[in-house]
Amino acid sequence: MNINVPITQRVEILFWDFVINTLTKSEFVRHNLPRFYRLLEPRAVRQAMTWILCASAAGFVTGLVANLYLLTR
C-alpha cells in the first residue's frame, strides 16, 4: 500500500477487502443473505413495520399507564 494514501482510503480498502472475502467464502453468509434480502421485500417490510409499530405503541401505552398509576398513589 502506498504510504501517501490517506488513512480513510486505507480503511475503506481494508473494509471492502474483508466484505468481498466474506461474501465469497463464507457459507453462512451465502446461505443467509438471500433470507435477509427477502425481509426487505415491500410486503414483508410493511408487515414487519406494522408489528414494530404495534409493539412500540403497546410499550408506550403500558409505560404511560404505569407512570400515571404510580403518580396517583
C-alpha atoms as a PDB file:
ATOM      1  CA  MET A   1       0.000   0.000   0.000  1.00  0.00           C
ATOM      2  CA  ASN A   2       1.255   3.463  -0.829  1.00  0.00           C
ATOM      3  CA  ILE A   3       2.339   5.420   2.252  1.00  0.00           C
ATOM      4  CA  ASN A   4       0.888   8.643   0.814  1.00  0.00           C
ATOM      5  CA  VAL A   5      -2.663   7.292   0.703  1.00  0.00           C
ATOM      6  CA  PRO A   6      -4.862   8.875   3.394  1.00  0.00           C
ATOM      7  CA  ILE A   7      -5.848   6.665   6.314  1.00  0.00           C
ATOM      8  CA  THR A   8      -9.536   6.843   5.356  1.00  0.00           C
ATOM      9  CA  GLN A   9      -8.831   5.328   1.956  1.00  0.00           C
ATOM     10  CA  ARG A  10      -6.727   2.584   3.549  1.00  0.00           C
ATOM     11  CA  VAL A  11      -9.517   1.745   5.972  1.00  0.00           C
ATOM     12  CA  GLU A  12     -12.034   1.714   3.132  1.00  0.00           C
ATOM     13  CA  ILE A  13      -9.917  -0.669   1.067  1.00  0.00           C
ATOM     14  CA  LEU A  14      -9.416  -2.973   4.059  1.00  0.00           C
ATOM     15  CA  PHE A  15     -13.154  -2.894   4.761  1.00  0.00           C
ATOM     16  CA  TRP A  16     -14.155  -3.802   1.210  1.00  0.00           C
ATOM     17  CA  ASP A  17     -11.462  -6.472   1.038  1.00  0.00           C
ATOM     18  CA  PHE A  18     -12.948  -8.053   4.174  1.00  0.00           C
ATOM     19  CA  VAL A  19     -16.530  -7.761   2.880  1.00  0.00           C
ATOM     20  CA  ILE A  20     -15.733  -9.245  -0.524  1.00  0.00           C
ATOM     21  CA  ASN A  21     -13.837 -12.162   1.017  1.00  0.00           C
ATOM     22  CA  THR A  22     -16.631 -12.786   3.489  1.00  0.00           C
ATOM     23  CA  LEU A  23     -19.333 -12.695   0.825  1.00  0.00           C
ATOM     24  CA  THR A  24     -17.477 -15.077  -1.471  1.00  0.00           C
ATOM     25  CA  LYS A  25     -16.056 -17.586   1.014  1.00  0.00           C
ATOM     26  CA  SER A  26     -18.431 -17.727   3.965  1.00  0.00           C
ATOM     27  CA  GLU A  27     -21.031 -20.462   3.624  1.00  0.00           C
ATOM     28  CA  PHE A  28     -23.066 -18.915   6.451  1.00  0.00           C
ATOM     29  CA  VAL A  29     -23.284 -15.538   4.702  1.00  0.00           C
ATOM     30  CA  ARG A  30     -24.061 -17.069   1.311  1.00  0.00           C
ATOM     31  CA  HIS A  31     -26.814 -19.179   2.861  1.00  0.00           C
ATOM     32  CA  ASN A  32     -28.434 -16.422   4.940  1.00  0.00           C
ATOM     33  CA  LEU A  33     -28.026 -13.404   2.641  1.00  0.00           C
ATOM     34  CA  PRO A  34     -30.981 -14.375   0.398  1.00  0.00           C
ATOM     35  CA  ARG A  35     -33.143 -14.789   3.507  1.00  0.00           C
ATOM     36  CA  PHE A  36     -32.157 -11.323   4.665  1.00  0.00           C
ATOM     37  CA  TYR A  37     -32.984  -9.843   1.262  1.00  0.00           C
ATOM     38  CA  ARG A  38     -36.432 -11.441   1.386  1.00  0.00           C
ATOM     39  CA  LEU A  39     -37.098  -9.443   4.549  1.00  0.00           C
ATOM     40  CA  LEU A  40     -36.596  -6.273   2.552  1.00  0.00           C
ATOM     41  CA  GLU A  41     -39.379  -7.052   0.104  1.00  0.00           C
ATOM     42  CA  PRO A  42     -42.131  -4.424   0.241  1.00  0.00           C
ATOM     43  CA  ARG A  43     -44.831  -6.650   1.735  1.00  0.00           C
ATOM     44  CA  ALA A  44     -42.509  -8.187   4.310  1.00  0.00           C
ATOM     45  CA  VAL A  45     -41.187  -4.769   5.288  1.00  0.00           C
ATOM     46  CA  ARG A  46     -44.698  -3.411   5.643  1.00  0.00           C
ATOM     47  CA  GLN A  47     -45.715  -6.347   7.833  1.00  0.00           C
ATOM     48  CA  ALA A  48     -42.581  -6.062   9.991  1.00  0.00           C
ATOM     49  CA  MET A  49     -43.073  -2.326  10.394  1.00  0.00           C
ATOM     50  CA  THR A  50     -46.691  -2.922  11.414  1.00  0.00           C
ATOM     51  CA  TRP A  51     -45.578  -5.345  14.137  1.00  0.00           C
ATOM     52  CA  ILE A  52     -42.875  -2.947  15.302  1.00  0.00           C
ATOM     53  CA  LEU A  53     -45.380  -0.085  15.411  1.00  0.00           C
ATOM     54  CA  CYS A  54     -47.882  -2.184  17.389  1.00  0.00           C
ATOM     55  CA  ALA A  55     -45.226  -3.297  19.872  1.00  0.00           C
ATOM     56  CA  SER A  56     -43.963   0.264  20.250  1.00  0.00           C
ATOM     57  CA  ALA A  57     -47.458   1.630  20.807  1.00  0.00           C
ATOM     58  CA  ALA A  58     -48.212  -1.104  23.353  1.00  0.00           C
ATOM     59  CA  GLY A  59     -44.986  -0.334  25.208  1.00  0.00           C
ATOM     60  CA  PHE A  60     -45.707   3.386  25.176  1.00  0.00           C
ATOM     61  CA  VAL A  61     -49.247   2.921  26.491  1.00  0.00           C
ATOM     62  CA  THR A  62     -48.063   0.477  29.166  1.00  0.00           C
ATOM     63  CA  GLY A  63     -45.391   2.911  30.313  1.00  0.00           C
ATOM     64  CA  LEU A  64     -47.846   5.795  30.333  1.00  0.00           C
ATOM     65  CA  VAL A  65     -50.422   3.856  32.347  1.00  0.00           C
ATOM     66  CA  ALA A  66     -47.782   2.612  34.802  1.00  0.00           C
ATOM     67  CA  ASN A  67     -46.471   6.150  35.234  1.00  0.00           C
ATOM     68  CA  LEU A  68     -49.960   7.550  35.833  1.00  0.00           C
ATOM     69  CA  TYR A  69     -50.700   4.752  38.291  1.00  0.00           C
ATOM     70  CA  LEU A  70     -47.513   5.439  40.251  1.00  0.00           C
ATOM     71  CA  LEU A  71     -48.139   9.195  40.274  1.00  0.00           C
ATOM     72  CA  THR A  72     -51.660   8.840  41.658  1.00  0.00           C
ATOM     73  CA  ARG A  73     -50.688   6.534  44.526  1.00  0.00           C
END
